[in-house]
Amino acid sequence: MGEAKRRRDLGLPPRQGSGQPRDSSPRVVSWLPLTRQQARSFMTWTSRGAWGGIGLLVALWLVVRFIGPALGWWTLQG
């Protein structure tokens, strides 16, 4: 027997939900299930990822251009 039927048969009122929505911030577009808070969070994480990628690219360039040749791993041509 389901919870709703059991409560009805026992004469209990229907269960009440938590009463508060998960995210009460307004939506970016009414037909898209994406809130402004979620959009802000997405922008924060993608910005961090982009800066992380830039940092890794700079580190790779330093290894290829300076550290590798200095340690004799390879030589630069030209």
PDB file of N, CA and C in Angstrom:
ATOM      1  N   MET A   1       0.858  -1.175   0.000  1.00  0.00           N
ATOM      2  CA  MET A   1       0.000   0.000   0.000  1.00  0.00           C
ATOM      3  C   MET A   1       0.901   1.235   0.000  1.00  0.00           C
ATOM      4  N   GLY A   2       0.532   2.216  -0.787  1.00  0.00           N
ATOM      5  CA  GLY A   2       1.306   3.448  -0.862  1.00  0.00           C
ATOM      6  C   GLY A   2       1.094   4.317   0.358  1.00  0.00           C
ATOM      7  N   GLU A   3       2.036   5.225   0.552  1.00  0.00           N
ATOM      8  CA  GLU A   3       1.990   6.125   1.703  1.00  0.00           C
ATOM      9  C   GLU A   3       0.712   6.965   1.705  1.00  0.00           C
ATOM     10  N   ALA A   4       0.319   7.478   0.543  1.00  0.00           N
ATOM     11  CA  ALA A   4      -0.877   8.326   0.478  1.00  0.00           C
ATOM     12  C   ALA A   4      -2.138   7.540   0.851  1.00  0.00           C
ATOM     13  N   LYS A   5      -2.253   6.307   0.335  1.00  0.00           N
ATOM     14  CA  LYS A   5      -3.427   5.479   0.663  1.00  0.00           C
ATOM     15  C   LYS A   5      -3.440   5.127   2.145  1.00  0.00           C
ATOM     16  N   ARG A   6      -2.279   4.797   2.687  1.00  0.00           N
ATOM     17  CA  ARG A   6      -2.202   4.428   4.105  1.00  0.00           C
ATOM     18  C   ARG A   6      -2.629   5.609   4.972  1.00  0.00           C
ATOM     19  N   ARG A   7      -2.150   6.792   4.656  1.00  0.00           N
ATOM     20  CA  ARG A   7      -2.510   7.974   5.447  1.00  0.00           C
ATOM     21  C   ARG A   7      -4.003   8.268   5.319  1.00  0.00           C
ATOM     22  N   ARG A   8      -4.539   8.096   4.099  1.00  0.00           N
ATOM     23  CA  ARG A   8      -5.966   8.337   3.889  1.00  0.00           C
ATOM     24  C   ARG A   8      -6.804   7.344   4.689  1.00  0.00           C
ATOM     25  N   ASP A   9      -6.413   6.062   4.670  1.00  0.00           N
ATOM     26  CA  ASP A   9      -7.158   5.035   5.401  1.00  0.00           C
ATOM     27  C   ASP A   9      -7.096   5.241   6.908  1.00  0.00           C
ATOM     28  N   LEU A  10      -5.999   5.775   7.391  1.00  0.00           N
ATOM     29  CA  LEU A  10      -5.872   6.027   8.831  1.00  0.00           C
ATOM     30  C   LEU A  10      -6.480   7.360   9.246  1.00  0.00           C
ATOM     31  N   GLY A  11      -6.931   8.142   8.260  1.00  0.00           N
ATOM     32  CA  GLY A  11      -7.549   9.426   8.571  1.00  0.00           C
ATOM     33  C   GLY A  11      -6.535  10.523   8.844  1.00  0.00           C
ATOM     34  N   LEU A  12      -5.307  10.312   8.398  1.00  0.00           N
ATOM     35  CA  LEU A  12      -4.260  11.322   8.599  1.00  0.00           C
ATOM     36  C   LEU A  12      -4.262  12.314   7.440  1.00  0.00           C
ATOM     37  N   PRO A  13      -3.832  13.540   7.688  1.00  0.00           N
ATOM     38  CA  PRO A  13      -3.756  14.516   6.593  1.00  0.00           C
ATOM     39  C   PRO A  13      -2.604  14.158   5.645  1.00  0.00           C
ATOM     40  N   PRO A  14      -2.629  14.657   4.431  1.00  0.00           N
ATOM     41  CA  PRO A  14      -1.523  14.400   3.493  1.00  0.00           C
ATOM     42  C   PRO A  14      -0.202  14.931   4.051  1.00  0.00           C
ATOM     43  N   ARG A  15       0.876  14.264   3.667  1.00  0.00           N
ATOM     44  CA  ARG A  15       2.191  14.703   4.124  1.00  0.00           C
ATOM     45  C   ARG A  15       2.513  16.084   3.594  1.00  0.00           C
ATOM     46  N   GLN A  16       3.133  16.871   4.422  1.00  0.00           N
ATOM     47  CA  GLN A  16       3.557  18.203   4.015  1.00  0.00           C
ATOM     48  C   GLN A  16       5.004  18.142   3.538  1.00  0.00           C
ATOM     49  N   GLY A  17       5.318  18.853   2.463  1.00  0.00           N
ATOM     50  CA  GLY A  17       6.689  18.920   1.963  1.00  0.00           C
ATOM     51  C   GLY A  17       7.527  19.812   2.860  1.00  0.00           C
ATOM     52  N   SER A  18       8.727  20.038   2.458  1.00  0.00           N
ATOM     53  CA  SER A  18       9.617  20.876   3.264  1.00  0.00           C
ATOM     54  C   SER A  18       9.128  22.325   3.295  1.00  0.00           C
ATOM     55  N   GLY A  19       8.347  22.713   2.279  1.00  0.00           N
ATOM     56  CA  GLY A  19       7.775  24.052   2.294  1.00  0.00           C
ATOM     57  C   GLY A  19       8.630  25.102   1.624  1.00  0.00           C
ATOM     58  N   GLN A  20       9.885  24.769   1.327  1.00  0.00           N
ATOM     59  CA  GLN A  20      10.735  25.757   0.672  1.00  0.00           C
ATOM     60  C   GLN A  20      11.370  25.140  -0.574  1.00  0.00           C
ATOM     61  N   PRO A  21      11.414  25.892  -1.654  1.00  0.00           N
ATOM     62  CA  PRO A  21      12.018  25.360  -2.874  1.00  0.00           C
ATOM     63  C   PRO A  21      13.532  25.210  -2.712  1.00  0.00           C
ATOM     64  N   ARG A  22      14.121  24.367  -3.530  1.00  0.00           N
ATOM     65  CA  ARG A  22      15.557  24.135  -3.442  1.00  0.00           C
ATOM     66  C   ARG A  22      16.348  25.401  -3.746  1.00  0.00           C
ATOM     67  N   ASP A  23      15.947  26.116  -4.768  1.00  0.00           N
ATOM     68  CA  ASP A  23      16.639  27.345  -5.140  1.00  0.00           C
ATOM     69  C   ASP A  23      15.580  28.385  -5.462  1.00  0.00           C
ATOM     70  N   SER A  24      15.473  29.408  -4.631  1.00  0.00           N
ATOM     71  CA  SER A  24      14.404  30.375  -4.810  1.00  0.00           C
ATOM     72  C   SER A  24      14.830  31.565  -5.660  1.00  0.00           C
ATOM     73  N   SER A  25      16.026  31.553  -6.231  1.00  0.00           N
ATOM     74  CA  SER A  25      16.450  32.673  -7.070  1.00  0.00           C
ATOM     75  C   SER A  25      15.676  32.634  -8.390  1.00  0.00           C
ATOM     76  N   PRO A  26      15.492  33.787  -8.995  1.00  0.00           N
ATOM     77  CA  PRO A  26      14.698  33.843 -10.234  1.00  0.00           C
ATOM     78  C   PRO A  26      15.418  33.145 -11.391  1.00  0.00           C
ATOM     79  N   ARG A  27      14.633  32.692 -12.355  1.00  0.00           N
ATOM     80  CA  ARG A  27      15.182  31.991 -13.507  1.00  0.00           C
ATOM     81  C   ARG A  27      15.776  32.972 -14.509  1.00  0.00           C
ATOM     82  N   VAL A  28      16.763  32.511 -15.259  1.00  0.00           N
ATOM     83  CA  VAL A  28      17.373  33.336 -16.300  1.00  0.00           C
ATOM     84  C   VAL A  28      16.361  33.577 -17.403  1.00  0.00           C
ATOM     85  N   VAL A  29      15.739  32.506 -17.892  1.00  0.00           N
ATOM     86  CA  VAL A  29      14.681  32.567 -18.897  1.00  0.00           C
ATOM     87  C   VAL A  29      13.533  31.723 -18.359  1.00  0.00           C
ATOM     88  N   SER A  30      12.323  32.179 -18.535  1.00  0.00           N
ATOM     89  CA  SER A  30      11.182  31.501 -17.909  1.00  0.00           C
ATOM     90  C   SER A  30      11.037  30.042 -18.331  1.00  0.00           C
ATOM     91  N   TRP A  31      11.361  29.707 -19.576  1.00  0.00           N
ATOM     92  CA  TRP A  31      11.172  28.339 -20.063  1.00  0.00           C
ATOM     93  C   TRP A  31      12.388  27.447 -19.837  1.00  0.00           C
ATOM     94  N   LEU A  32      13.495  27.994 -19.339  1.00  0.00           N
ATOM     95  CA  LEU A  32      14.720  27.221 -19.111  1.00  0.00           C
ATOM     96  C   LEU A  32      14.887  26.949 -17.622  1.00  0.00           C
ATOM     97  N   PRO A  33      15.045  25.683 -17.228  1.00  0.00           N
ATOM     98  CA  PRO A  33      15.173  25.385 -15.793  1.00  0.00           C
ATOM     99  C   PRO A  33      16.565  25.711 -15.259  1.00  0.00           C
ATOM    100  N   LEU A  34      16.979  26.960 -15.401  1.00  0.00           N
ATOM    101  CA  LEU A  34      18.288  27.424 -14.959  1.00  0.00           C
ATOM    102  C   LEU A  34      18.085  28.728 -14.191  1.00  0.00           C
ATOM    103  N   THR A  35      18.481  28.726 -12.938  1.00  0.00           N
ATOM    104  CA  THR A  35      18.286  29.927 -12.125  1.00  0.00           C
ATOM    105  C   THR A  35      19.493  30.843 -12.249  1.00  0.00           C
ATOM    106  N   ARG A  36      19.321  32.051 -11.810  1.00  0.00           N
ATOM    107  CA  ARG A  36      20.417  33.021 -11.868  1.00  0.00           C
ATOM    108  C   ARG A  36      21.590  32.573 -10.992  1.00  0.00           C
ATOM    109  N   GLN A  37      21.291  31.964  -9.853  1.00  0.00           N
ATOM    110  CA  GLN A  37      22.352  31.479  -8.972  1.00  0.00           C
ATOM    111  C   GLN A  37      23.148  30.365  -9.653  1.00  0.00           C
ATOM    112  N   GLN A  38      22.473  29.466 -10.351  1.00  0.00           N
ATOM    113  CA  GLN A  38      23.165  28.402 -11.069  1.00  0.00           C
ATOM    114  C   GLN A  38      24.017  28.973 -12.191  1.00  0.00           C
ATOM    115  N   ALA A  39      23.516  29.971 -12.900  1.00  0.00           N
ATOM    116  CA  ALA A  39      24.282  30.612 -13.970  1.00  0.00           C
ATOM    117  C   ALA A  39      25.523  31.295 -13.398  1.00  0.00           C
ATOM    118  N   ARG A  40      25.373  31.952 -12.252  1.00  0.00           N
ATOM    119  CA  ARG A  40      26.507  32.610 -11.608  1.00  0.00           C
ATOM    120  C   ARG A  40      27.553  31.582 -11.180  1.00  0.00           C
ATOM    121  N   SER A  41      27.095  30.470 -10.637  1.00  0.00           N
ATOM    122  CA  SER A  41      28.000  29.403 -10.222  1.00  0.00           C
ATOM    123  C   SER A  41      28.727  28.813 -11.427  1.00  0.00           C
ATOM    124  N   PHE A  42      28.016  28.622 -12.536  1.00  0.00           N
ATOM    125  CA  PHE A  42      28.626  28.111 -13.762  1.00  0.00           C
ATOM    126  C   PHE A  42      29.721  29.052 -14.248  1.00  0.00           C
ATOM    127  N   MET A  43      29.451  30.343 -14.237  1.00  0.00           N
ATOM    128  CA  MET A  43      30.455  31.324 -14.679  1.00  0.00           C
ATOM    129  C   MET A  43      31.673  31.305 -13.774  1.00  0.00           C
ATOM    130  N   THR A  44      31.473  31.157 -12.471  1.00  0.00           N
ATOM    131  CA  THR A  44      32.593  31.100 -11.534  1.00  0.00           C
ATOM    132  C   THR A  44      33.484  29.910 -11.825  1.00  0.00           C
ATOM    133  N   TRP A  45      32.881  28.724 -11.988  1.00  0.00           N
ATOM    134  CA  TRP A  45      33.670  27.505 -12.219  1.00  0.00           C
ATOM    135  C   TRP A  45      34.366  27.529 -13.574  1.00  0.00           C
ATOM    136  N   THR A  46      33.693  28.030 -14.612  1.00  0.00           N
ATOM    137  CA  THR A  46      34.333  28.067 -15.920  1.00  0.00           C
ATOM    138  C   THR A  46      35.458  29.090 -15.946  1.00  0.00           C
ATOM    139  N   SER A  47      35.314  30.188 -15.222  1.00  0.00           N
ATOM    140  CA  SER A  47      36.406  31.167 -15.146  1.00  0.00           C
ATOM    141  C   SER A  47      37.612  30.571 -14.429  1.00  0.00           C
ATOM    142  N   ARG A  48      37.374  29.846 -13.348  1.00  0.00           N
ATOM    143  CA  ARG A  48      38.481  29.179 -12.652  1.00  0.00           C
ATOM    144  C   ARG A  48      39.163  28.158 -13.554  1.00  0.00           C
ATOM    145  N   GLY A  49      38.366  27.408 -14.296  1.00  0.00           N
ATOM    146  CA  GLY A  49      38.928  26.423 -15.217  1.00  0.00           C
ATOM    147  C   GLY A  49      39.752  27.070 -16.307  1.00  0.00           C
ATOM    148  N   ALA A  50      39.273  28.195 -16.831  1.00  0.00           N
ATOM    149  CA  ALA A  50      40.011  28.903 -17.881  1.00  0.00           C
ATOM    150  C   ALA A  50      41.351  29.409 -17.347  1.00  0.00           C
ATOM    151  N   TRP A  51      41.357  30.007 -16.165  1.00  0.00           N
ATOM    152  CA  TRP A  51      42.614  30.484 -15.593  1.00  0.00           C
ATOM    153  C   TRP A  51      43.556  29.333 -15.279  1.00  0.00           C
ATOM    154  N   GLY A  52      43.010  28.201 -14.859  1.00  0.00           N
ATOM    155  CA  GLY A  52      43.835  27.017 -14.629  1.00  0.00           C
ATOM    156  C   GLY A  52      44.481  26.541 -15.920  1.00  0.00           C
ATOM    157  N   GLY A  53      43.709  26.536 -17.004  1.00  0.00           N
ATOM    158  CA  GLY A  53      44.247  26.150 -18.311  1.00  0.00           C
ATOM    159  C   GLY A  53      45.320  27.092 -18.789  1.00  0.00           C
ATOM    160  N   ILE A  54      45.133  28.385 -18.567  1.00  0.00           N
ATOM    161  CA  ILE A  54      46.150  29.370 -18.946  1.00  0.00           C
ATOM    162  C   ILE A  54      47.429  29.137 -18.155  1.00  0.00           C
ATOM    163  N   GLY A  55      47.280  28.859 -16.861  1.00  0.00           N
ATOM    164  CA  GLY A  55      48.454  28.579 -16.027  1.00  0.00           C
ATOM    165  C   GLY A  55      49.201  27.338 -16.491  1.00  0.00           C
ATOM    166  N   LEU A  56      48.461  26.275 -16.844  1.00  0.00           N
ATOM    167  CA  LEU A  56      49.106  25.063 -17.351  1.00  0.00           C
ATOM    168  C   LEU A  56      49.804  25.315 -18.687  1.00  0.00           C
ATOM    169  N   LEU A  57      49.214  26.116 -19.544  1.00  0.00           N
ATOM    170  CA  LEU A  57      49.829  26.447 -20.825  1.00  0.00           C
ATOM    171  C   LEU A  57      51.131  27.217 -20.628  1.00  0.00           C
ATOM    172  N   VAL A  58      51.142  28.154 -19.709  1.00  0.00           N
ATOM    173  CA  VAL A  58      52.371  28.915 -19.412  1.00  0.00           C
ATOM    174  C   VAL A  58      53.433  27.986 -18.842  1.00  0.00           C
ATOM    175  N   ALA A  59      53.039  27.095 -17.937  1.00  0.00           N
ATOM    176  CA  ALA A  59      54.008  26.151 -17.359  1.00  0.00           C
ATOM    177  C   ALA A  59      54.590  25.242 -18.445  1.00  0.00           C
ATOM    178  N   LEU A  60      53.763  24.747 -19.354  1.00  0.00           N
ATOM    179  CA  LEU A  60      54.245  23.907 -20.445  1.00  0.00           C
ATOM    180  C   LEU A  60      55.202  24.673 -21.341  1.00  0.00           C
ATOM    181  N   TRP A  61      54.875  25.915 -21.643  1.00  0.00           N
ATOM    182  CA  TRP A  61      55.740  26.740 -22.487  1.00  0.00           C
ATOM    183  C   TRP A  61      57.092  26.953 -21.812  1.00  0.00           C
ATOM    184  N   LEU A  62      57.102  27.200 -20.510  1.00  0.00           N
ATOM    185  CA  LEU A  62      58.367  27.382 -19.798  1.00  0.00           C
ATOM    186  C   LEU A  62      59.215  26.112 -19.842  1.00  0.00           C
ATOM    187  N   VAL A  63      58.586  24.970 -19.689  1.00  0.00           N
ATOM    188  CA  VAL A  63      59.329  23.703 -19.744  1.00  0.00           C
ATOM    189  C   VAL A  63      59.904  23.490 -21.136  1.00  0.00           C
ATOM    190  N   VAL A  64      59.085  23.679 -22.161  1.00  0.00           N
ATOM    191  CA  VAL A  64      59.549  23.445 -23.530  1.00  0.00           C
ATOM    192  C   VAL A  64      60.614  24.448 -23.928  1.00  0.00           C
ATOM    193  N   ARG A  65      60.444  25.698 -23.580  1.00  0.00           N
ATOM    194  CA  ARG A  65      61.344  26.748 -24.066  1.00  0.00           C
ATOM    195  C   ARG A  65      62.616  26.873 -23.237  1.00  0.00           C
ATOM    196  N   PHE A  66      62.542  26.725 -21.909  1.00  0.00           N
ATOM    197  CA  PHE A  66      63.699  26.998 -21.070  1.00  0.00           C
ATOM    198  C   PHE A  66      64.211  25.786 -20.290  1.00  0.00           C
ATOM    199  N   ILE A  67      63.328  25.097 -19.581  1.00  0.00           N
ATOM    200  CA  ILE A  67      63.765  24.051 -18.657  1.00  0.00           C
ATOM    201  C   ILE A  67      64.301  22.830 -19.406  1.00  0.00           C
ATOM    202  N   GLY A  68      63.569  22.369 -20.434  1.00  0.00           N
ATOM    203  CA  GLY A  68      64.013  21.209 -21.201  1.00  0.00           C
ATOM    204  C   GLY A  68      65.384  21.397 -21.821  1.00  0.00           C
ATOM    205  N   PRO A  69      65.626  22.481 -22.554  1.00  0.00           N
ATOM    206  CA  PRO A  69      66.957  22.689 -23.133  1.00  0.00           C
ATOM    207  C   PRO A  69      68.053  22.882 -22.066  1.00  0.00           C
ATOM    208  N   ALA A  70      67.720  23.537 -20.968  1.00  0.00           N
ATOM    209  CA  ALA A  70      68.717  23.755 -19.907  1.00  0.00           C
ATOM    210  C   ALA A  70      69.155  22.441 -19.270  1.00  0.00           C
ATOM    211  N   LEU A  71      68.257  21.477 -19.173  1.00  0.00           N
ATOM    212  CA  LEU A  71      68.582  20.186 -18.584  1.00  0.00           C
ATOM    213  C   LEU A  71      69.092  19.188 -19.624  1.00  0.00           C
ATOM    214  N   GLY A  72      69.171  19.601 -20.889  1.00  0.00           N
ATOM    215  CA  GLY A  72      69.675  18.733 -21.930  1.00  0.00           C
ATOM    216  C   GLY A  72      68.675  17.699 -22.410  1.00  0.00           C
ATOM    217  N   TRP A  73      67.403  17.900 -22.170  1.00  0.00           N
ATOM    218  CA  TRP A  73      66.397  16.949 -22.613  1.00  0.00           C
ATOM    219  C   TRP A  73      66.232  17.005 -24.126  1.00  0.00           C
ATOM    220  N   TRP A  74      66.400  18.209 -24.720  1.00  0.00           N
ATOM    221  CA  TRP A  74      66.323  18.414 -26.157  1.00  0.00           C
ATOM    222  C   TRP A  74      66.998  19.733 -26.479  1.00  0.00           C
ATOM    223  N   THR A  75      67.198  20.008 -27.756  1.00  0.00           N
ATOM    224  CA  THR A  75      67.794  21.268 -28.180  1.00  0.00           C
ATOM    225  C   THR A  75      66.790  21.988 -29.066  1.00  0.00           C
ATOM    226  N   LEU A  76      66.848  23.297 -29.040  1.00  0.00           N
ATOM    227  CA  LEU A  76      65.961  24.104 -29.860  1.00  0.00           C
ATOM    228  C   LEU A  76      66.561  24.253 -31.237  1.00  0.00           C
ATOM    229  N   GLN A  77      65.753  24.231 -32.248  1.00  0.00           N
ATOM    230  CA  GLN A  77      66.194  24.425 -33.627  1.00  0.00           C
ATOM    231  C   GLN A  77      65.874  25.865 -34.040  1.00  0.00           C
ATOM    232  N   GLY A  78      66.866  26.503 -34.589  1.00  0.00           N
ATOM    233  CA  GLY A  78      66.637  27.833 -35.144  1.00  0.00           C
ATOM    234  C   GLY A  78      66.937  28.887 -34.215  1.00  0.00           C
TER     235      GLY A  78
END
